N, C-alpha and C. Protein backbone atom coordinates (compact mmCIF):
# COMPACT_ATOMS: atom_id res chain seq x y z
N MET A 1 -4.03 -7.66 -17.55
CA MET A 1 -4.77 -6.69 -16.75
C MET A 1 -5.61 -7.40 -15.69
N ALA A 2 -6.28 -8.48 -16.10
CA ALA A 2 -7.12 -9.22 -15.16
C ALA A 2 -6.29 -9.82 -14.03
N LEU A 3 -5.11 -10.33 -14.37
CA LEU A 3 -4.23 -10.91 -13.35
C LEU A 3 -3.74 -9.84 -12.38
N THR A 4 -3.46 -8.66 -12.89
CA THR A 4 -3.00 -7.56 -12.04
C THR A 4 -4.10 -7.10 -11.10
N LEU A 5 -5.32 -6.99 -11.61
CA LEU A 5 -6.44 -6.62 -10.76
C LEU A 5 -6.70 -7.68 -9.68
N LYS A 6 -6.51 -8.94 -10.07
CA LYS A 6 -6.64 -10.02 -9.09
C LYS A 6 -5.58 -9.89 -8.00
N ALA A 7 -4.38 -9.50 -8.39
CA ALA A 7 -3.29 -9.33 -7.42
C ALA A 7 -3.60 -8.19 -6.46
N ILE A 8 -4.20 -7.12 -6.95
CA ILE A 8 -4.59 -6.02 -6.06
C ILE A 8 -5.58 -6.51 -5.02
N GLN A 9 -6.55 -7.31 -5.46
CA GLN A 9 -7.54 -7.87 -4.54
C GLN A 9 -6.88 -8.78 -3.51
N LEU A 10 -5.87 -9.54 -3.94
CA LEU A 10 -5.16 -10.41 -3.01
C LEU A 10 -4.41 -9.60 -1.96
N ALA A 11 -3.77 -8.51 -2.39
CA ALA A 11 -3.06 -7.67 -1.43
C ALA A 11 -4.05 -7.07 -0.43
N LYS A 12 -5.21 -6.63 -0.93
CA LYS A 12 -6.24 -6.09 -0.04
C LYS A 12 -6.71 -7.16 0.95
N SER A 13 -6.91 -8.38 0.45
CA SER A 13 -7.35 -9.48 1.33
C SER A 13 -6.30 -9.79 2.39
N ALA A 14 -5.02 -9.72 2.02
CA ALA A 14 -3.96 -9.97 2.99
C ALA A 14 -4.04 -8.96 4.12
N VAL A 15 -4.26 -7.69 3.79
CA VAL A 15 -4.38 -6.65 4.82
C VAL A 15 -5.61 -6.89 5.68
N ALA A 16 -6.73 -7.26 5.05
CA ALA A 16 -7.96 -7.52 5.81
C ALA A 16 -7.76 -8.67 6.79
N HIS A 17 -7.09 -9.74 6.34
CA HIS A 17 -6.81 -10.87 7.24
C HIS A 17 -5.89 -10.45 8.38
N ALA A 18 -4.91 -9.59 8.08
CA ALA A 18 -4.01 -9.12 9.13
C ALA A 18 -4.77 -8.32 10.19
N ILE A 19 -5.72 -7.50 9.73
CA ILE A 19 -6.55 -6.74 10.68
C ILE A 19 -7.33 -7.70 11.58
N ASP A 20 -7.92 -8.73 10.96
CA ASP A 20 -8.69 -9.71 11.74
C ASP A 20 -7.80 -10.42 12.76
N GLY A 21 -6.60 -10.80 12.32
CA GLY A 21 -5.69 -11.51 13.23
C GLY A 21 -5.30 -10.66 14.42
N LEU A 22 -5.04 -9.39 14.17
CA LEU A 22 -4.65 -8.50 15.26
C LEU A 22 -5.82 -8.22 16.19
N ALA A 23 -6.99 -8.01 15.61
CA ALA A 23 -8.18 -7.70 16.43
C ALA A 23 -8.63 -8.89 17.26
N GLN A 24 -8.56 -10.08 16.66
CA GLN A 24 -9.04 -11.29 17.33
C GLN A 24 -7.97 -11.97 18.17
N ARG A 25 -6.71 -11.53 18.05
CA ARG A 25 -5.57 -12.19 18.70
C ARG A 25 -5.56 -13.68 18.34
N SER A 26 -5.76 -13.94 17.04
CA SER A 26 -5.86 -15.31 16.55
C SER A 26 -4.83 -15.54 15.45
N SER A 27 -4.31 -16.77 15.36
CA SER A 27 -3.29 -17.10 14.35
C SER A 27 -3.91 -17.49 13.01
N ALA A 28 -5.16 -17.92 13.01
CA ALA A 28 -5.79 -18.41 11.77
C ALA A 28 -5.78 -17.35 10.65
N PRO A 29 -6.17 -16.10 10.94
CA PRO A 29 -6.15 -15.10 9.86
C PRO A 29 -4.75 -14.86 9.30
N PHE A 30 -3.73 -15.03 10.13
CA PHE A 30 -2.37 -14.81 9.64
C PHE A 30 -1.92 -15.93 8.71
N LEU A 31 -2.49 -17.10 8.87
CA LEU A 31 -2.23 -18.17 7.90
C LEU A 31 -2.78 -17.77 6.53
N ALA A 32 -3.94 -17.13 6.55
CA ALA A 32 -4.53 -16.65 5.29
C ALA A 32 -3.67 -15.54 4.67
N VAL A 33 -3.05 -14.71 5.53
CA VAL A 33 -2.13 -13.69 5.02
C VAL A 33 -1.00 -14.34 4.25
N ASN A 34 -0.43 -15.40 4.81
CA ASN A 34 0.69 -16.09 4.16
C ASN A 34 0.25 -16.73 2.85
N GLN A 35 -0.97 -17.24 2.81
CA GLN A 35 -1.48 -17.83 1.57
C GLN A 35 -1.62 -16.76 0.49
N CYS A 36 -2.11 -15.59 0.87
CA CYS A 36 -2.21 -14.47 -0.09
C CYS A 36 -0.83 -14.08 -0.60
N GLU A 37 0.14 -14.05 0.30
CA GLU A 37 1.50 -13.66 -0.08
C GLU A 37 2.10 -14.66 -1.07
N GLN A 38 1.85 -15.94 -0.85
CA GLN A 38 2.36 -16.96 -1.77
C GLN A 38 1.69 -16.86 -3.14
N GLU A 39 0.40 -16.56 -3.16
CA GLU A 39 -0.30 -16.42 -4.43
C GLU A 39 0.17 -15.17 -5.16
N LEU A 40 0.47 -14.11 -4.43
CA LEU A 40 1.03 -12.91 -5.06
C LEU A 40 2.38 -13.21 -5.71
N ASP A 41 3.19 -14.01 -5.04
CA ASP A 41 4.47 -14.41 -5.64
C ASP A 41 4.25 -15.16 -6.95
N ARG A 42 3.26 -16.04 -6.95
CA ARG A 42 2.98 -16.82 -8.16
C ARG A 42 2.49 -15.91 -9.28
N LEU A 43 1.58 -15.00 -8.95
CA LEU A 43 1.06 -14.07 -9.95
C LEU A 43 2.15 -13.16 -10.49
N ASP A 44 3.06 -12.76 -9.63
CA ASP A 44 4.18 -11.93 -10.07
C ASP A 44 4.98 -12.64 -11.16
N ARG A 45 5.26 -13.91 -10.94
CA ARG A 45 6.01 -14.68 -11.94
C ARG A 45 5.21 -14.84 -13.23
N GLU A 46 3.90 -15.09 -13.08
CA GLU A 46 3.08 -15.31 -14.27
C GLU A 46 2.94 -14.04 -15.10
N VAL A 47 2.69 -12.91 -14.43
CA VAL A 47 2.56 -11.66 -15.16
C VAL A 47 3.87 -11.31 -15.86
N ASP A 48 4.98 -11.50 -15.18
CA ASP A 48 6.28 -11.21 -15.77
C ASP A 48 6.48 -12.03 -17.04
N GLN A 49 6.13 -13.29 -16.97
CA GLN A 49 6.28 -14.18 -18.12
C GLN A 49 5.36 -13.76 -19.27
N ARG A 50 4.11 -13.45 -18.94
CA ARG A 50 3.14 -13.07 -19.97
C ARG A 50 3.49 -11.73 -20.63
N VAL A 51 3.91 -10.76 -19.82
CA VAL A 51 4.24 -9.45 -20.36
C VAL A 51 5.43 -9.55 -21.31
N THR A 52 6.42 -10.32 -20.94
CA THR A 52 7.59 -10.50 -21.79
C THR A 52 7.20 -11.02 -23.16
N GLN A 53 6.23 -11.92 -23.21
CA GLN A 53 5.77 -12.47 -24.49
C GLN A 53 4.86 -11.50 -25.23
N ALA A 54 3.97 -10.82 -24.49
CA ALA A 54 2.93 -10.01 -25.14
C ALA A 54 3.46 -8.67 -25.66
N VAL A 55 4.47 -8.11 -24.99
CA VAL A 55 4.91 -6.77 -25.33
C VAL A 55 5.54 -6.72 -26.73
N ILE A 56 6.03 -7.85 -27.22
CA ILE A 56 6.68 -7.90 -28.53
C ILE A 56 5.72 -7.51 -29.64
N ARG A 57 4.48 -7.93 -29.54
CA ARG A 57 3.51 -7.69 -30.59
C ARG A 57 2.46 -6.64 -30.21
N ALA A 58 2.73 -5.86 -29.16
CA ALA A 58 1.74 -4.90 -28.66
C ALA A 58 1.90 -3.55 -29.35
N SER A 59 0.78 -2.84 -29.47
CA SER A 59 0.82 -1.44 -29.91
C SER A 59 1.39 -0.59 -28.79
N ALA A 60 1.65 0.68 -29.07
CA ALA A 60 2.22 1.57 -28.04
C ALA A 60 1.32 1.69 -26.81
N PRO A 61 -0.01 1.93 -26.97
CA PRO A 61 -0.87 2.00 -25.77
C PRO A 61 -0.92 0.67 -25.02
N GLU A 62 -0.96 -0.44 -25.77
CA GLU A 62 -0.98 -1.75 -25.13
C GLU A 62 0.32 -2.00 -24.37
N ALA A 63 1.45 -1.60 -24.96
CA ALA A 63 2.75 -1.79 -24.31
C ALA A 63 2.82 -0.99 -23.01
N ALA A 64 2.26 0.23 -23.03
CA ALA A 64 2.25 1.05 -21.81
C ALA A 64 1.46 0.37 -20.70
N GLU A 65 0.31 -0.22 -21.06
CA GLU A 65 -0.50 -0.92 -20.06
C GLU A 65 0.21 -2.17 -19.56
N LEU A 66 0.84 -2.90 -20.47
CA LEU A 66 1.57 -4.12 -20.07
C LEU A 66 2.70 -3.78 -19.10
N LEU A 67 3.45 -2.74 -19.42
CA LEU A 67 4.55 -2.35 -18.54
C LEU A 67 4.03 -1.85 -17.19
N ALA A 68 2.87 -1.18 -17.21
CA ALA A 68 2.26 -0.76 -15.94
C ALA A 68 1.89 -1.97 -15.10
N CYS A 69 1.37 -3.00 -15.74
CA CYS A 69 1.03 -4.24 -15.01
C CYS A 69 2.27 -4.85 -14.37
N MET A 70 3.37 -4.86 -15.12
CA MET A 70 4.61 -5.42 -14.57
C MET A 70 5.09 -4.60 -13.37
N LYS A 71 5.03 -3.28 -13.50
CA LYS A 71 5.44 -2.42 -12.38
C LYS A 71 4.51 -2.62 -11.19
N PHE A 72 3.22 -2.74 -11.45
CA PHE A 72 2.25 -3.00 -10.39
C PHE A 72 2.63 -4.25 -9.60
N MET A 73 2.96 -5.31 -10.33
CA MET A 73 3.23 -6.58 -9.67
C MET A 73 4.45 -6.51 -8.77
N ILE A 74 5.44 -5.71 -9.15
CA ILE A 74 6.62 -5.56 -8.31
C ILE A 74 6.22 -4.98 -6.95
N ASP A 75 5.42 -3.90 -6.99
CA ASP A 75 4.99 -3.28 -5.73
C ASP A 75 4.01 -4.15 -4.97
N LEU A 76 3.11 -4.82 -5.66
CA LEU A 76 2.13 -5.68 -4.98
C LEU A 76 2.80 -6.87 -4.30
N GLU A 77 3.80 -7.44 -4.96
CA GLU A 77 4.52 -8.55 -4.35
C GLU A 77 5.22 -8.08 -3.07
N ARG A 78 5.77 -6.87 -3.12
CA ARG A 78 6.44 -6.32 -1.94
C ARG A 78 5.43 -6.02 -0.84
N ILE A 79 4.25 -5.52 -1.20
CA ILE A 79 3.21 -5.29 -0.20
C ILE A 79 2.86 -6.61 0.50
N GLY A 80 2.74 -7.69 -0.29
CA GLY A 80 2.46 -9.00 0.30
C GLY A 80 3.52 -9.41 1.29
N ASP A 81 4.80 -9.18 0.95
CA ASP A 81 5.89 -9.52 1.86
C ASP A 81 5.80 -8.71 3.16
N LEU A 82 5.50 -7.43 3.03
CA LEU A 82 5.45 -6.56 4.20
C LEU A 82 4.29 -6.91 5.13
N VAL A 83 3.14 -7.22 4.54
CA VAL A 83 1.99 -7.61 5.36
C VAL A 83 2.26 -8.95 6.04
N SER A 84 2.94 -9.85 5.34
CA SER A 84 3.31 -11.13 5.95
C SER A 84 4.28 -10.91 7.10
N SER A 85 5.23 -9.98 6.93
CA SER A 85 6.17 -9.65 8.01
C SER A 85 5.43 -9.05 9.20
N PHE A 86 4.46 -8.19 8.91
CA PHE A 86 3.61 -7.62 9.95
C PHE A 86 2.92 -8.74 10.74
N GLY A 87 2.37 -9.71 10.01
CA GLY A 87 1.69 -10.83 10.66
C GLY A 87 2.62 -11.66 11.52
N GLY A 88 3.85 -11.86 11.03
CA GLY A 88 4.82 -12.62 11.82
C GLY A 88 5.12 -11.96 13.15
N CYS A 89 5.29 -10.64 13.14
CA CYS A 89 5.53 -9.90 14.39
C CYS A 89 4.31 -9.98 15.30
N ALA A 90 3.13 -9.83 14.71
CA ALA A 90 1.90 -9.88 15.52
C ALA A 90 1.76 -11.23 16.21
N GLN A 91 2.08 -12.29 15.50
CA GLN A 91 1.99 -13.62 16.10
C GLN A 91 3.05 -13.81 17.18
N ALA A 92 4.22 -13.22 16.98
CA ALA A 92 5.31 -13.40 17.94
C ALA A 92 4.98 -12.78 19.29
N ILE A 93 4.31 -11.63 19.28
CA ILE A 93 4.04 -10.97 20.55
C ILE A 93 2.65 -11.27 21.09
N GLY A 94 1.78 -11.82 20.23
CA GLY A 94 0.47 -12.28 20.70
C GLY A 94 -0.32 -11.23 21.45
N ALA A 95 -0.78 -11.59 22.64
CA ALA A 95 -1.66 -10.71 23.42
C ALA A 95 -0.88 -9.68 24.24
N ARG A 96 0.44 -9.61 24.05
CA ARG A 96 1.25 -8.70 24.86
C ARG A 96 1.26 -7.27 24.31
N VAL A 97 0.58 -7.04 23.19
CA VAL A 97 0.53 -5.69 22.63
C VAL A 97 -0.47 -4.84 23.43
N GLU A 98 -0.06 -3.63 23.76
CA GLU A 98 -0.97 -2.72 24.47
C GLU A 98 -2.16 -2.37 23.58
N MET A 99 -3.33 -2.20 24.18
CA MET A 99 -4.53 -1.94 23.39
C MET A 99 -4.43 -0.64 22.60
N GLU A 100 -3.76 0.36 23.15
CA GLU A 100 -3.59 1.61 22.42
C GLU A 100 -2.81 1.38 21.13
N ASP A 101 -1.78 0.52 21.22
CA ASP A 101 -1.00 0.18 20.03
C ASP A 101 -1.83 -0.63 19.04
N VAL A 102 -2.62 -1.55 19.56
CA VAL A 102 -3.48 -2.36 18.69
C VAL A 102 -4.42 -1.46 17.90
N LYS A 103 -5.02 -0.51 18.58
CA LYS A 103 -5.96 0.40 17.90
C LYS A 103 -5.27 1.20 16.80
N ASP A 104 -4.07 1.69 17.09
CA ASP A 104 -3.35 2.49 16.09
C ASP A 104 -2.91 1.63 14.91
N LEU A 105 -2.45 0.43 15.18
CA LEU A 105 -2.03 -0.47 14.09
C LEU A 105 -3.23 -0.87 13.22
N ILE A 106 -4.37 -1.10 13.87
CA ILE A 106 -5.57 -1.43 13.10
C ILE A 106 -6.01 -0.23 12.26
N ARG A 107 -5.88 0.97 12.81
CA ARG A 107 -6.21 2.18 12.03
C ARG A 107 -5.30 2.28 10.80
N MET A 108 -4.02 2.06 11.00
CA MET A 108 -3.08 2.11 9.87
C MET A 108 -3.45 1.08 8.81
N ALA A 109 -3.71 -0.14 9.26
CA ALA A 109 -4.03 -1.22 8.32
C ALA A 109 -5.35 -0.98 7.61
N THR A 110 -6.32 -0.39 8.32
CA THR A 110 -7.62 -0.11 7.71
C THR A 110 -7.48 0.95 6.61
N VAL A 111 -6.65 1.97 6.87
CA VAL A 111 -6.40 2.98 5.83
C VAL A 111 -5.70 2.34 4.65
N LEU A 112 -4.73 1.47 4.91
CA LEU A 112 -4.01 0.78 3.84
C LEU A 112 -4.96 -0.08 3.01
N GLU A 113 -5.88 -0.76 3.68
CA GLU A 113 -6.85 -1.58 2.96
C GLU A 113 -7.69 -0.72 2.00
N GLN A 114 -8.14 0.44 2.48
CA GLN A 114 -8.93 1.33 1.62
C GLN A 114 -8.09 1.88 0.48
N MET A 115 -6.82 2.13 0.73
CA MET A 115 -5.93 2.58 -0.35
C MET A 115 -5.88 1.56 -1.48
N LEU A 116 -5.85 0.29 -1.12
CA LEU A 116 -5.80 -0.77 -2.14
C LEU A 116 -7.14 -0.89 -2.87
N VAL A 117 -8.24 -0.65 -2.15
CA VAL A 117 -9.56 -0.60 -2.82
C VAL A 117 -9.55 0.52 -3.86
N ASP A 118 -9.04 1.68 -3.47
CA ASP A 118 -9.00 2.83 -4.38
C ASP A 118 -8.07 2.56 -5.56
N ILE A 119 -6.97 1.86 -5.32
CA ILE A 119 -6.05 1.53 -6.41
C ILE A 119 -6.72 0.61 -7.41
N HIS A 120 -7.48 -0.35 -6.93
CA HIS A 120 -8.19 -1.25 -7.84
C HIS A 120 -9.12 -0.47 -8.75
N GLU A 121 -9.87 0.47 -8.15
CA GLU A 121 -10.79 1.28 -8.95
C GLU A 121 -10.04 2.25 -9.87
N ALA A 122 -8.97 2.83 -9.36
CA ALA A 122 -8.20 3.78 -10.16
C ALA A 122 -7.61 3.10 -11.38
N PHE A 123 -7.09 1.90 -11.21
CA PHE A 123 -6.44 1.20 -12.31
C PHE A 123 -7.46 0.66 -13.30
N SER A 124 -8.54 0.11 -12.79
CA SER A 124 -9.53 -0.49 -13.70
C SER A 124 -10.34 0.56 -14.44
N ARG A 125 -10.55 1.74 -13.81
CA ARG A 125 -11.39 2.78 -14.41
C ARG A 125 -10.60 4.00 -14.86
N ARG A 126 -9.29 3.98 -14.65
CA ARG A 126 -8.43 5.13 -14.97
C ARG A 126 -8.96 6.38 -14.25
N ASP A 127 -9.20 6.22 -12.96
CA ASP A 127 -9.89 7.23 -12.16
C ASP A 127 -8.88 8.03 -11.35
N LEU A 128 -8.66 9.29 -11.74
CA LEU A 128 -7.68 10.13 -11.05
C LEU A 128 -8.18 10.61 -9.68
N ASP A 129 -9.50 10.64 -9.47
CA ASP A 129 -10.02 10.96 -8.15
C ASP A 129 -9.54 9.95 -7.12
N ARG A 130 -9.56 8.68 -7.51
CA ARG A 130 -9.09 7.63 -6.61
C ARG A 130 -7.58 7.76 -6.36
N VAL A 131 -6.85 8.20 -7.37
CA VAL A 131 -5.42 8.43 -7.21
C VAL A 131 -5.19 9.47 -6.12
N MET A 132 -5.93 10.56 -6.16
CA MET A 132 -5.79 11.61 -5.15
C MET A 132 -6.13 11.08 -3.76
N GLY A 133 -7.15 10.21 -3.68
CA GLY A 133 -7.51 9.62 -2.39
C GLY A 133 -6.38 8.80 -1.80
N VAL A 134 -5.67 8.07 -2.65
CA VAL A 134 -4.56 7.25 -2.18
C VAL A 134 -3.43 8.13 -1.66
N LEU A 135 -3.13 9.21 -2.37
CA LEU A 135 -2.06 10.10 -1.93
C LEU A 135 -2.38 10.74 -0.59
N ARG A 136 -3.63 11.13 -0.41
CA ARG A 136 -4.03 11.71 0.89
C ARG A 136 -3.94 10.66 2.00
N ALA A 137 -4.40 9.46 1.70
CA ALA A 137 -4.42 8.40 2.71
C ALA A 137 -3.01 8.01 3.15
N ASP A 138 -2.06 8.04 2.23
CA ASP A 138 -0.68 7.70 2.59
C ASP A 138 -0.16 8.64 3.66
N ALA A 139 -0.54 9.91 3.59
CA ALA A 139 -0.12 10.87 4.62
C ALA A 139 -0.72 10.51 5.98
N VAL A 140 -1.94 9.96 5.98
CA VAL A 140 -2.58 9.53 7.23
C VAL A 140 -1.80 8.36 7.84
N VAL A 141 -1.42 7.41 7.01
CA VAL A 141 -0.63 6.26 7.48
C VAL A 141 0.68 6.76 8.10
N ASP A 142 1.32 7.71 7.44
CA ASP A 142 2.58 8.25 7.96
C ASP A 142 2.38 8.91 9.32
N ARG A 143 1.29 9.65 9.47
CA ARG A 143 1.05 10.35 10.73
C ARG A 143 0.84 9.36 11.88
N ILE A 144 0.10 8.30 11.64
CA ILE A 144 -0.12 7.32 12.71
C ILE A 144 1.18 6.61 13.06
N ARG A 145 1.97 6.29 12.03
CA ARG A 145 3.28 5.68 12.29
C ARG A 145 4.13 6.60 13.16
N ASN A 146 4.12 7.90 12.85
CA ASN A 146 4.91 8.84 13.63
C ASN A 146 4.45 8.90 15.09
N LEU A 147 3.14 8.83 15.30
CA LEU A 147 2.62 8.82 16.67
C LEU A 147 3.13 7.59 17.43
N LEU A 148 3.13 6.45 16.78
CA LEU A 148 3.63 5.23 17.42
C LEU A 148 5.12 5.35 17.75
N PHE A 149 5.89 5.93 16.84
CA PHE A 149 7.31 6.11 17.10
C PHE A 149 7.54 7.05 18.29
N ILE A 150 6.78 8.12 18.34
CA ILE A 150 6.92 9.06 19.45
C ILE A 150 6.60 8.35 20.77
N ARG A 151 5.53 7.57 20.75
CA ARG A 151 5.11 6.87 21.97
C ARG A 151 6.18 5.90 22.47
N HIS A 152 6.82 5.19 21.54
CA HIS A 152 7.74 4.13 21.96
C HIS A 152 9.20 4.56 22.02
N VAL A 153 9.55 5.60 21.28
CA VAL A 153 10.95 6.04 21.30
C VAL A 153 11.15 7.12 22.36
N GLU A 154 10.29 8.12 22.36
CA GLU A 154 10.41 9.18 23.38
C GLU A 154 9.80 8.71 24.71
N ASN A 155 8.58 8.16 24.64
CA ASN A 155 7.93 7.56 25.81
C ASN A 155 7.93 8.49 27.01
N ASN A 156 7.60 9.74 26.77
CA ASN A 156 7.64 10.73 27.84
C ASN A 156 6.65 10.44 28.96
N GLU A 157 5.55 9.80 28.60
CA GLU A 157 4.51 9.54 29.60
C GLU A 157 4.63 8.15 30.21
N GLY A 158 5.62 7.40 29.79
CA GLY A 158 5.83 6.07 30.35
C GLY A 158 4.74 5.09 30.00
N THR A 159 4.09 5.29 28.81
CA THR A 159 2.96 4.44 28.46
C THR A 159 3.34 3.29 27.53
N ALA A 160 4.56 3.30 27.00
CA ALA A 160 4.95 2.26 26.04
C ALA A 160 5.12 0.92 26.74
N GLY A 161 4.68 -0.12 26.08
CA GLY A 161 4.79 -1.47 26.63
C GLY A 161 6.14 -2.11 26.34
N PRO A 162 6.38 -3.30 26.90
CA PRO A 162 7.69 -3.97 26.73
C PRO A 162 7.92 -4.50 25.33
N GLU A 163 6.88 -4.59 24.52
CA GLU A 163 7.03 -5.13 23.17
C GLU A 163 7.15 -4.01 22.13
N GLY A 164 7.65 -2.87 22.58
CA GLY A 164 7.70 -1.70 21.71
C GLY A 164 8.45 -1.91 20.41
N ILE A 165 9.57 -2.63 20.45
CA ILE A 165 10.37 -2.81 19.23
C ILE A 165 9.57 -3.56 18.18
N HIS A 166 8.77 -4.54 18.60
CA HIS A 166 7.93 -5.29 17.66
C HIS A 166 6.83 -4.39 17.09
N VAL A 167 6.26 -3.56 17.95
CA VAL A 167 5.22 -2.65 17.49
C VAL A 167 5.78 -1.70 16.43
N LEU A 168 7.00 -1.21 16.65
CA LEU A 168 7.61 -0.31 15.68
C LEU A 168 7.90 -1.02 14.37
N PHE A 169 8.34 -2.27 14.43
CA PHE A 169 8.55 -3.04 13.20
C PHE A 169 7.23 -3.21 12.44
N MET A 170 6.16 -3.46 13.18
CA MET A 170 4.85 -3.63 12.55
C MET A 170 4.38 -2.33 11.91
N ALA A 171 4.56 -1.22 12.63
CA ALA A 171 4.16 0.08 12.09
C ALA A 171 4.99 0.41 10.85
N GLN A 172 6.28 0.10 10.89
CA GLN A 172 7.14 0.39 9.75
C GLN A 172 6.75 -0.46 8.54
N ALA A 173 6.35 -1.71 8.78
CA ALA A 173 5.91 -2.56 7.67
C ALA A 173 4.68 -1.98 6.99
N LEU A 174 3.72 -1.51 7.78
CA LEU A 174 2.51 -0.91 7.20
C LEU A 174 2.83 0.39 6.48
N GLU A 175 3.73 1.19 7.06
CA GLU A 175 4.10 2.45 6.42
C GLU A 175 4.77 2.20 5.07
N ARG A 176 5.64 1.20 5.01
CA ARG A 176 6.31 0.87 3.75
C ARG A 176 5.31 0.31 2.74
N ALA A 177 4.35 -0.48 3.22
CA ALA A 177 3.30 -0.97 2.31
C ALA A 177 2.50 0.20 1.75
N GLY A 178 2.27 1.22 2.58
CA GLY A 178 1.59 2.42 2.10
C GLY A 178 2.39 3.13 1.03
N ASP A 179 3.72 3.18 1.20
CA ASP A 179 4.58 3.79 0.19
C ASP A 179 4.48 3.06 -1.14
N HIS A 180 4.46 1.73 -1.08
CA HIS A 180 4.34 0.95 -2.32
C HIS A 180 2.97 1.17 -2.97
N THR A 181 1.95 1.34 -2.14
CA THR A 181 0.62 1.62 -2.69
C THR A 181 0.59 3.00 -3.34
N LYS A 182 1.29 3.96 -2.73
CA LYS A 182 1.40 5.28 -3.35
C LYS A 182 2.12 5.17 -4.70
N ASN A 183 3.12 4.29 -4.78
CA ASN A 183 3.79 4.07 -6.07
C ASN A 183 2.79 3.63 -7.13
N LEU A 184 1.84 2.79 -6.72
CA LEU A 184 0.83 2.31 -7.67
C LEU A 184 -0.04 3.47 -8.14
N ALA A 185 -0.38 4.37 -7.23
CA ALA A 185 -1.19 5.53 -7.60
C ALA A 185 -0.44 6.39 -8.61
N GLU A 186 0.84 6.58 -8.37
CA GLU A 186 1.65 7.38 -9.30
C GLU A 186 1.74 6.71 -10.67
N GLU A 187 1.78 5.37 -10.66
CA GLU A 187 1.85 4.65 -11.93
C GLU A 187 0.55 4.80 -12.71
N VAL A 188 -0.60 4.80 -12.01
CA VAL A 188 -1.88 5.04 -12.68
C VAL A 188 -1.88 6.42 -13.31
N CYS A 189 -1.40 7.41 -12.56
CA CYS A 189 -1.36 8.77 -13.09
C CYS A 189 -0.50 8.83 -14.35
N HIS A 190 0.64 8.18 -14.32
CA HIS A 190 1.52 8.17 -15.48
C HIS A 190 0.84 7.50 -16.67
N LEU A 191 0.12 6.42 -16.40
CA LEU A 191 -0.56 5.69 -17.48
C LEU A 191 -1.66 6.56 -18.11
N VAL A 192 -2.39 7.29 -17.26
CA VAL A 192 -3.53 8.09 -17.74
C VAL A 192 -3.08 9.39 -18.39
N THR A 193 -2.12 10.07 -17.78
CA THR A 193 -1.76 11.43 -18.21
C THR A 193 -0.44 11.52 -18.95
N GLY A 194 0.41 10.50 -18.81
CA GLY A 194 1.74 10.58 -19.40
C GLY A 194 2.70 11.42 -18.59
N GLN A 195 2.28 11.88 -17.40
CA GLN A 195 3.12 12.72 -16.54
C GLN A 195 3.46 11.97 -15.25
N THR A 196 4.60 12.30 -14.68
CA THR A 196 5.00 11.75 -13.39
C THR A 196 5.15 12.89 -12.39
N MET A 197 5.29 12.54 -11.12
CA MET A 197 5.45 13.56 -10.10
C MET A 197 6.72 14.38 -10.30
N ARG A 198 7.72 13.80 -10.94
CA ARG A 198 8.96 14.55 -11.19
C ARG A 198 8.74 15.73 -12.12
N HIS A 199 7.65 15.67 -12.93
CA HIS A 199 7.38 16.74 -13.86
C HIS A 199 6.52 17.86 -13.26
N VAL A 200 6.09 17.65 -12.02
CA VAL A 200 5.28 18.67 -11.37
C VAL A 200 6.20 19.72 -10.76
N LEU A 201 5.97 20.99 -11.08
CA LEU A 201 6.85 22.04 -10.56
C LEU A 201 6.75 22.12 -9.05
N ARG A 202 7.91 22.30 -8.44
CA ARG A 202 7.95 22.43 -6.99
C ARG A 202 7.42 23.80 -6.57
N SER A 203 6.71 23.80 -5.45
CA SER A 203 6.14 25.06 -4.95
C SER A 203 6.55 25.22 -3.48
N LYS A 204 7.12 26.32 -3.16
CA LYS A 204 7.63 26.53 -1.81
C LYS A 204 6.54 26.35 -0.76
N GLY A 205 6.88 25.58 0.28
CA GLY A 205 5.95 25.41 1.38
C GLY A 205 4.97 24.27 1.22
N LYS A 206 5.05 23.53 0.10
CA LYS A 206 4.13 22.41 -0.11
C LYS A 206 4.90 21.10 -0.22
N SER A 207 4.31 20.04 0.30
CA SER A 207 4.92 18.73 0.15
C SER A 207 4.76 18.26 -1.29
N GLU A 208 5.57 17.27 -1.66
CA GLU A 208 5.48 16.72 -3.01
C GLU A 208 4.10 16.15 -3.28
N GLU A 209 3.53 15.46 -2.26
CA GLU A 209 2.21 14.87 -2.43
C GLU A 209 1.15 15.94 -2.64
N GLN A 210 1.25 17.05 -1.86
CA GLN A 210 0.24 18.11 -1.99
C GLN A 210 0.35 18.80 -3.34
N MET A 211 1.57 19.00 -3.82
CA MET A 211 1.74 19.60 -5.14
C MET A 211 1.12 18.72 -6.22
N PHE A 212 1.32 17.41 -6.06
CA PHE A 212 0.78 16.48 -7.04
C PHE A 212 -0.74 16.49 -7.02
N ILE A 213 -1.32 16.52 -5.82
CA ILE A 213 -2.78 16.57 -5.69
C ILE A 213 -3.31 17.86 -6.32
N ASP A 214 -2.63 18.99 -6.05
CA ASP A 214 -3.07 20.25 -6.64
C ASP A 214 -3.01 20.21 -8.16
N TRP A 215 -1.95 19.62 -8.67
CA TRP A 215 -1.78 19.53 -10.13
C TRP A 215 -2.89 18.68 -10.76
N LEU A 216 -3.21 17.54 -10.11
CA LEU A 216 -4.28 16.68 -10.62
C LEU A 216 -5.62 17.40 -10.58
N ARG A 217 -5.86 18.14 -9.49
CA ARG A 217 -7.12 18.86 -9.37
C ARG A 217 -7.26 19.92 -10.48
N GLU A 218 -6.15 20.64 -10.73
CA GLU A 218 -6.18 21.64 -11.78
C GLU A 218 -6.42 21.00 -13.15
N ARG A 219 -5.82 19.85 -13.36
CA ARG A 219 -5.99 19.16 -14.64
C ARG A 219 -7.44 18.74 -14.84
N GLN A 220 -8.06 18.25 -13.75
CA GLN A 220 -9.45 17.81 -13.86
C GLN A 220 -10.39 19.00 -14.11
N HIS A 221 -10.14 20.12 -13.40
CA HIS A 221 -10.98 21.30 -13.62
C HIS A 221 -10.83 21.81 -15.05
N ALA A 222 -9.60 21.77 -15.58
CA ALA A 222 -9.37 22.23 -16.95
C ALA A 222 -10.09 21.35 -17.95
N GLY A 223 -10.21 20.02 -17.60
CA GLY A 223 -10.91 19.09 -18.49
C GLY A 223 -12.40 19.30 -18.47
């Protein structure tokens, strides 16, 4: 559990360094991103090894937590890869990114960073309020990504810069990292309640995320 929480902090730090690198137009923070990504890889291997040994003698609740840690590490390792890929694109285009794009990418990354803060609290405290915050925030990340795609693919106003393809790759990396963070939120919910989003009844006119948020809210009120 301690190693998994450490990995969440590392993923958050990687995003924070990426924000600094993009804002400062500096390569030094991106080196720190790569260091976080390498440490996440190491922790992934260590947790996998430890869980394999520990689960044999674990009780049912302990086994559930151990398996949650293993699932967490899979998504966290992938988040590290995506943030590192984001940093590589940012370094490749340097100062050629339009300021409007920089602002939107920083907004996306800042929301992602807060999502990881909420995941740390949700997992360590079994806090379903934080789970709901992550699900809402993922929708914000998606909306900003969509705005960037509209700007660079449709480009009706002629405002997109020449490095648009790199900007879209960066936005897609952050959006995918947000999806993996949402996976972590769903895993916390499963650990706490024993339910997954697949068990939530579909309701016409609502997104899957909104149905899940409504279900969690009803559960908390009933408690």
